[in-house]
Amino acid sequence: MGQFMVTIYFPEDIDENFDSLIPEHRDYIDLLMTKGIINTYSLASDRSQLWICFNAKNEKEIGKYINNFPIKDYITYEIFPLLFHNSSQILFPSISLN
């Protein structure tokens, strides 16, 4: 397994159909995060780009996930293989009160 950073680009003009797909898209992203396929998911404040860190075998596998995005018809993307991706969440796991 490798790690990949994906930069997703949104068009300047977004229609109402795009907005209606966001809840379904977020559900799919949450599923991939629960499965450990997505590590991080960040949206630029101007909503022009999105950055996602994936765990995957290769770029082809990432393409399959992206092709299942409900918003796939509205985006373009680039995939960047990573040497590593550090996160403070890895260093400091959440505490369970149980």
C-alpha atoms as a PDB file:
ATOM      1  CA  MET A   1       0.000   0.000   0.000  1.00  0.00           C
ATOM      2  CA  GLY A   2       1.136   3.508  -0.752  1.00  0.00           C
ATOM      3  CA  GLN A   3      -0.077   6.964   0.072  1.00  0.00           C
ATOM      4  CA  PHE A   4      -1.201   9.455  -2.548  1.00  0.00           C
ATOM      5  CA  MET A   5      -2.286  13.078  -2.389  1.00  0.00           C
ATOM      6  CA  VAL A   6      -5.059  13.920  -4.809  1.00  0.00           C
ATOM      7  CA  THR A   7      -5.794  17.501  -5.780  1.00  0.00           C
ATOM      8  CA  ILE A   8      -9.330  17.924  -7.079  1.00  0.00           C
ATOM      9  CA  TYR A   9     -10.304  21.007  -9.049  1.00  0.00           C
ATOM     10  CA  PHE A  10     -13.845  22.359  -9.208  1.00  0.00           C
ATOM     11  CA  PRO A  11     -15.282  24.449 -12.048  1.00  0.00           C
ATOM     12  CA  GLU A  12     -15.927  28.135 -11.399  1.00  0.00           C
ATOM     13  CA  ASP A  13     -19.627  27.791 -12.180  1.00  0.00           C
ATOM     14  CA  ILE A  14     -21.413  25.252 -10.007  1.00  0.00           C
ATOM     15  CA  ASP A  15     -25.081  24.503 -10.647  1.00  0.00           C
ATOM     16  CA  GLU A  16     -27.877  23.373  -8.323  1.00  0.00           C
ATOM     17  CA  ASN A  17     -27.429  19.756  -9.377  1.00  0.00           C
ATOM     18  CA  PHE A  18     -23.881  19.809  -8.008  1.00  0.00           C
ATOM     19  CA  ASP A  19     -25.151  21.133  -4.672  1.00  0.00           C
ATOM     20  CA  SER A  20     -27.752  18.366  -4.519  1.00  0.00           C
ATOM     21  CA  LEU A  21     -24.994  15.724  -4.858  1.00  0.00           C
ATOM     22  CA  ILE A  22     -22.962  16.957  -1.879  1.00  0.00           C
ATOM     23  CA  PRO A  23     -24.767  14.933   0.851  1.00  0.00           C
ATOM     24  CA  GLU A  24     -24.352  11.687  -1.115  1.00  0.00           C
ATOM     25  CA  HIS A  25     -20.721  12.572  -1.826  1.00  0.00           C
ATOM     26  CA  ARG A  26     -20.022  13.238   1.861  1.00  0.00           C
ATOM     27  CA  ASP A  27     -21.573   9.864   2.774  1.00  0.00           C
ATOM     28  CA  TYR A  28     -19.238   8.146   0.294  1.00  0.00           C
ATOM     29  CA  ILE A  29     -16.205  10.035   1.658  1.00  0.00           C
ATOM     30  CA  ASP A  30     -17.203   9.081   5.222  1.00  0.00           C
ATOM     31  CA  LEU A  31     -17.415   5.419   4.146  1.00  0.00           C
ATOM     32  CA  LEU A  32     -13.922   5.553   2.602  1.00  0.00           C
ATOM     33  CA  MET A  33     -12.568   7.237   5.738  1.00  0.00           C
ATOM     34  CA  THR A  34     -14.134   4.554   7.951  1.00  0.00           C
ATOM     35  CA  LYS A  35     -12.472   1.869   5.820  1.00  0.00           C
ATOM     36  CA  GLY A  36      -9.084   3.606   6.100  1.00  0.00           C
ATOM     37  CA  ILE A  37      -8.909   4.327   2.368  1.00  0.00           C
ATOM     38  CA  ILE A  38      -8.966   8.097   2.917  1.00  0.00           C
ATOM     39  CA  ASN A  39      -6.761   9.618   5.638  1.00  0.00           C
ATOM     40  CA  THR A  40      -7.485  13.309   5.225  1.00  0.00           C
ATOM     41  CA  TYR A  41      -9.984  15.431   3.323  1.00  0.00           C
ATOM     42  CA  SER A  42      -9.532  19.215   3.050  1.00  0.00           C
ATOM     43  CA  LEU A  43     -11.445  21.878   1.117  1.00  0.00           C
ATOM     44  CA  ALA A  44      -9.936  25.245   0.198  1.00  0.00           C
ATOM     45  CA  SER A  45     -11.748  28.209   1.743  1.00  0.00           C
ATOM     46  CA  ASP A  46     -12.642  29.521  -1.727  1.00  0.00           C
ATOM     47  CA  ARG A  47     -14.051  26.066  -2.625  1.00  0.00           C
ATOM     48  CA  SER A  48     -11.906  25.857  -5.744  1.00  0.00           C
ATOM     49  CA  GLN A  49      -9.835  22.816  -4.724  1.00  0.00           C
ATOM     50  CA  LEU A  50     -10.014  19.769  -2.540  1.00  0.00           C
ATOM     51  CA  TRP A  51      -7.094  17.723  -1.193  1.00  0.00           C
ATOM     52  CA  ILE A  52      -7.481  14.071  -0.274  1.00  0.00           C
ATOM     53  CA  CYS A  53      -4.828  11.715   1.085  1.00  0.00           C
ATOM     54  CA  PHE A  54      -5.534   8.137  -0.033  1.00  0.00           C
ATOM     55  CA  ASN A  55      -4.096   4.775   0.990  1.00  0.00           C
ATOM     56  CA  ALA A  56      -4.051   2.649  -2.161  1.00  0.00           C
ATOM     57  CA  LYS A  57      -2.021   0.153  -4.179  1.00  0.00           C
ATOM     58  CA  ASN A  58      -1.640   2.467  -7.168  1.00  0.00           C
ATOM     59  CA  GLU A  59      -3.102   5.394  -9.087  1.00  0.00           C
ATOM     60  CA  LYS A  60      -5.477   3.124 -10.996  1.00  0.00           C
ATOM     61  CA  GLU A  61      -7.133   2.078  -7.733  1.00  0.00           C
ATOM     62  CA  ILE A  62      -7.573   5.734  -6.751  1.00  0.00           C
ATOM     63  CA  GLY A  63      -9.161   6.415 -10.132  1.00  0.00           C
ATOM     64  CA  LYS A  64     -11.764   3.744  -9.381  1.00  0.00           C
ATOM     65  CA  TYR A  65     -12.670   5.445  -6.098  1.00  0.00           C
ATOM     66  CA  ILE A  66     -12.874   8.869  -7.735  1.00  0.00           C
ATOM     67  CA  ASN A  67     -15.038   7.486 -10.547  1.00  0.00           C
ATOM     68  CA  ASN A  68     -17.525   6.496  -7.838  1.00  0.00           C
ATOM     69  CA  PHE A  69     -17.720  10.048  -6.475  1.00  0.00           C
ATOM     70  CA  PRO A  70     -21.252  11.385  -6.991  1.00  0.00           C
ATOM     71  CA  ILE A  71     -19.632  14.697  -8.100  1.00  0.00           C
ATOM     72  CA  LYS A  72     -17.298  13.001 -10.631  1.00  0.00           C
ATOM     73  CA  ASP A  73     -18.824  14.773 -13.647  1.00  0.00           C
ATOM     74  CA  TYR A  74     -17.875  18.163 -12.197  1.00  0.00           C
ATOM     75  CA  ILE A  75     -14.230  17.622 -11.302  1.00  0.00           C
ATOM     76  CA  THR A  76     -10.761  17.166 -12.690  1.00  0.00           C
ATOM     77  CA  TYR A  77      -7.896  15.841 -10.595  1.00  0.00           C
ATOM     78  CA  GLU A  78      -4.194  15.130 -10.269  1.00  0.00           C
ATOM     79  CA  ILE A  79      -2.624  12.307  -8.273  1.00  0.00           C
ATOM     80  CA  PHE A  80       0.723  12.698  -6.494  1.00  0.00           C
ATOM     81  CA  PRO A  81       2.511   9.683  -4.942  1.00  0.00           C
ATOM     82  CA  LEU A  82       3.779  10.499  -1.439  1.00  0.00           C
ATOM     83  CA  LEU A  83       6.889   9.317   0.350  1.00  0.00           C
ATOM     84  CA  PHE A  84       4.999   9.846   3.627  1.00  0.00           C
ATOM     85  CA  HIS A  85       2.105  11.769   5.116  1.00  0.00           C
ATOM     86  CA  ASN A  86       2.312  12.700   8.790  1.00  0.00           C
ATOM     87  CA  SER A  87      -0.638  13.732  10.891  1.00  0.00           C
ATOM     88  CA  SER A  88      -0.909  14.680  14.543  1.00  0.00           C
ATOM     89  CA  GLN A  89      -3.846  12.267  14.784  1.00  0.00           C
ATOM     90  CA  ILE A  90      -1.401   9.408  14.290  1.00  0.00           C
ATOM     91  CA  LEU A  91       0.841  10.688  17.065  1.00  0.00           C
ATOM     92  CA  PHE A  92      -1.965  11.403  19.519  1.00  0.00           C
ATOM     93  CA  PRO A  93      -4.796   8.868  19.217  1.00  0.00           C
ATOM     94  CA  SER A  94      -8.193   9.811  20.587  1.00  0.00           C
ATOM     95  CA  ILE A  95      -8.938   8.841  24.169  1.00  0.00           C
ATOM     96  CA  SER A  96     -11.769   6.427  24.905  1.00  0.00           C
ATOM     97  CA  LEU A  97     -13.612   6.968  28.188  1.00  0.00           C
ATOM     98  CA  ASN A  98     -14.944   3.394  28.196  1.00  0.00           C
END
